[in-house]
Amino acid sequence: MTAQILQAIPKADEQLKAESSAGAVTTLASGGNGGQITDMNMRLSKLEGAFGEAVQGLRHGQNVVLASQAVVVATVIGLAASMIVFGIYFLQRLDSISDRVNALPSQISAELRDVTKTLAESITAAKQQPPQIILMPQPQLPQPPPQPQPPSPPNIRR
């Protein structure tokens, strides 16, 4: 864009010189400067017009740059906000994990006490003499006397 402007300036200057050498003179209504615009003032006003187009191009480029910068800034702010949110979330998770880790020694010591107690009881039971088992025959209950059978009817033959 800047290179175009630098190329346009000499061309516009040459064109203005050609027009002014042709004898173009403008009269001012307000007077001043003898009622005429000098050759230099006319060339200057035409150059300013030529620069107006270039300046508009630069303004458009500037607007594009500002818009892209706004997008980048919005993206950076969004990323920073999401990092803050996730950072707070993970710090809370870390605190809960820290609490659980701090509770582990008491749980481990309670479990070790239970295991130690169980092992001590097992060792004590293994060292004791096994109880003697005396087998005794089952007592016999007196059996009731057999009941007499009723007499059978006489056998009559016919």
Protein backbone atom coordinates (compact mmCIF):
# COMPACT_ATOMS: atom_id res chain seq x y z
CA MET A 1 0.00 0.00 0.00
CA THR A 2 2.80 2.41 0.90
CA ALA A 3 4.64 1.57 -2.32
CA GLN A 4 1.53 2.47 -4.33
CA ILE A 5 1.34 5.83 -2.61
CA LEU A 6 4.99 6.56 -3.29
CA GLN A 7 4.49 5.69 -6.97
CA ALA A 8 1.31 7.78 -7.21
CA ILE A 9 2.90 10.97 -5.84
CA PRO A 10 5.36 11.62 -8.72
CA LYS A 11 2.70 10.78 -11.32
CA ALA A 12 0.22 13.17 -9.73
CA ASP A 13 2.91 15.85 -9.43
CA GLU A 14 3.83 15.53 -13.12
CA GLN A 15 0.17 15.73 -14.10
CA LEU A 16 -0.29 18.85 -11.98
CA LYS A 17 2.79 20.48 -13.48
CA ALA A 18 1.44 19.83 -16.96
CA GLU A 19 -1.92 21.37 -16.10
CA SER A 20 -0.40 24.41 -14.43
CA SER A 21 2.00 25.07 -17.31
CA ALA A 22 -1.02 25.15 -19.65
CA GLY A 23 -1.97 28.39 -17.92
CA ALA A 24 -4.82 27.27 -15.69
CA VAL A 25 -5.42 30.10 -13.24
CA THR A 26 -8.34 30.27 -10.81
CA THR A 27 -9.75 33.40 -9.28
CA LEU A 28 -10.66 33.46 -5.62
CA ALA A 29 -13.82 35.20 -4.55
CA SER A 30 -12.41 36.09 -1.16
CA GLY A 31 -9.42 37.85 -2.53
CA GLY A 32 -6.04 37.19 -1.01
CA ASN A 33 -2.96 36.52 -2.98
CA GLY A 34 -4.01 39.01 -5.58
CA GLY A 35 -7.24 37.13 -6.32
CA GLN A 36 -5.42 34.19 -7.91
CA ILE A 37 -4.28 30.78 -6.71
CA THR A 38 -0.67 30.42 -7.49
CA ASP A 39 0.67 27.55 -9.44
CA MET A 40 2.07 25.95 -6.28
CA ASN A 41 -1.21 26.19 -4.33
CA MET A 42 -3.13 24.60 -7.18
CA ARG A 43 -0.69 21.76 -7.46
CA LEU A 44 -0.83 21.31 -3.70
CA SER A 45 -4.64 21.12 -3.63
CA LYS A 46 -4.64 18.52 -6.42
CA LEU A 47 -2.00 16.50 -4.61
CA GLU A 48 -4.13 16.57 -1.49
CA GLY A 49 -7.01 15.16 -3.53
CA ALA A 50 -4.78 12.39 -4.83
CA PHE A 51 -3.69 11.63 -1.29
CA GLY A 52 -7.33 11.46 -0.17
CA GLU A 53 -7.86 8.26 -2.10
CA ALA A 54 -4.66 6.75 -0.74
CA VAL A 55 -5.58 7.80 2.78
CA GLN A 56 -8.97 6.11 2.44
CA GLY A 57 -7.17 2.94 1.39
CA LEU A 58 -4.93 3.25 4.42
CA ARG A 59 -7.94 3.80 6.67
CA HIS A 60 -9.54 0.65 5.31
CA GLY A 61 -6.32 -1.25 5.98
CA GLN A 62 -6.20 0.24 9.45
CA ASN A 63 -9.79 -0.87 10.09
CA VAL A 64 -8.93 -4.40 9.02
CA VAL A 65 -5.89 -4.43 11.32
CA LEU A 66 -7.95 -3.10 14.24
CA ALA A 67 -10.65 -5.72 13.64
CA SER A 68 -8.10 -8.52 13.55
CA GLN A 69 -6.49 -7.17 16.73
CA ALA A 70 -9.92 -7.11 18.39
CA VAL A 71 -10.44 -10.76 17.45
CA VAL A 72 -7.02 -11.71 18.83
CA VAL A 73 -7.63 -9.79 22.07
CA ALA A 74 -11.07 -11.40 22.49
CA THR A 75 -9.53 -14.84 21.93
CA VAL A 76 -6.77 -14.18 24.46
CA ILE A 77 -9.30 -12.95 27.02
CA GLY A 78 -11.48 -16.02 26.41
CA LEU A 79 -8.52 -18.35 26.81
CA ALA A 80 -7.42 -16.58 29.98
CA ALA A 81 -10.92 -16.81 31.43
CA SER A 82 -11.19 -20.51 30.62
CA MET A 83 -7.77 -21.15 32.15
CA ILE A 84 -8.85 -19.36 35.32
CA VAL A 85 -12.08 -21.39 35.51
CA PHE A 86 -10.29 -24.69 34.93
CA GLY A 87 -7.54 -23.65 37.36
CA ILE A 88 -10.09 -23.04 40.12
CA TYR A 89 -11.81 -26.34 39.33
CA PHE A 90 -8.58 -28.32 39.46
CA LEU A 91 -7.48 -26.57 42.67
CA GLN A 92 -10.71 -27.68 44.32
CA ARG A 93 -10.16 -31.23 43.07
CA LEU A 94 -6.61 -31.10 44.40
CA ASP A 95 -7.88 -29.99 47.81
CA SER A 96 -10.33 -32.89 47.98
CA ILE A 97 -7.57 -35.33 46.97
CA SER A 98 -5.30 -33.77 49.58
CA ASP A 99 -7.93 -34.34 52.26
CA ARG A 100 -8.30 -37.97 51.20
CA VAL A 101 -4.52 -38.47 51.27
CA ASN A 102 -4.31 -36.91 54.73
CA ALA A 103 -6.93 -39.38 55.97
CA LEU A 104 -4.97 -42.39 54.69
CA PRO A 105 -2.47 -42.74 57.58
CA SER A 106 -5.23 -43.08 60.18
CA GLN A 107 -7.05 -45.64 58.04
CA ILE A 108 -3.86 -47.58 57.43
CA SER A 109 -2.94 -47.61 61.11
CA ALA A 110 -6.45 -48.83 62.05
CA GLU A 111 -6.23 -51.62 59.49
CA LEU A 112 -2.71 -52.56 60.67
CA ARG A 113 -3.99 -52.76 64.26
CA ASP A 114 -6.77 -55.09 63.14
CA VAL A 115 -4.34 -57.27 61.19
CA THR A 116 -1.92 -57.34 64.15
CA LYS A 117 -4.69 -58.32 66.54
CA THR A 118 -5.85 -61.10 64.22
CA LEU A 119 -2.30 -62.43 63.83
CA ALA A 120 -1.69 -62.30 67.58
CA GLU A 121 -4.86 -64.27 68.27
CA SER A 122 -3.88 -66.81 65.62
CA ILE A 123 -0.39 -67.24 67.06
CA THR A 124 -1.75 -67.54 70.60
CA ALA A 125 -4.27 -70.12 69.50
CA ALA A 126 -1.56 -72.10 67.68
CA LYS A 127 0.69 -72.22 70.76
CA GLN A 128 -2.00 -73.54 73.10
CA GLN A 129 -2.42 -77.25 73.65
CA PRO A 130 -5.24 -78.61 71.64
CA PRO A 131 -8.10 -79.65 73.85
CA GLN A 132 -8.28 -83.38 74.59
CA ILE A 133 -11.26 -85.04 73.17
CA ILE A 134 -12.46 -88.07 75.11
CA LEU A 135 -14.80 -90.26 73.25
CA MET A 136 -17.37 -91.90 75.38
CA PRO A 137 -19.80 -94.52 74.22
CA GLN A 138 -23.33 -93.36 74.01
CA PRO A 139 -25.29 -94.46 77.03
CA GLN A 140 -27.71 -97.24 76.38
CA LEU A 141 -31.21 -96.64 77.51
CA PRO A 142 -32.98 -99.57 79.05
CA GLN A 143 -35.27 -101.06 76.57
CA PRO A 144 -38.77 -101.67 77.64
CA PRO A 145 -39.70 -105.35 78.03
CA PRO A 146 -41.41 -106.79 75.04
CA GLN A 147 -45.11 -106.80 75.32
CA PRO A 148 -46.83 -110.15 75.50
CA GLN A 149 -48.68 -111.08 72.47
CA PRO A 150 -52.31 -111.79 72.74
CA PRO A 151 -53.19 -115.44 72.45
CA SER A 152 -54.02 -116.49 69.04
CA PRO A 153 -57.41 -117.98 68.37
CA PRO A 154 -57.60 -121.73 68.25
CA ASN A 155 -57.19 -123.33 64.99
CA ILE A 156 -60.33 -125.09 64.01
CA ARG A 157 -60.12 -127.33 61.07
CA ARG A 158 -62.95 -128.23 59.15
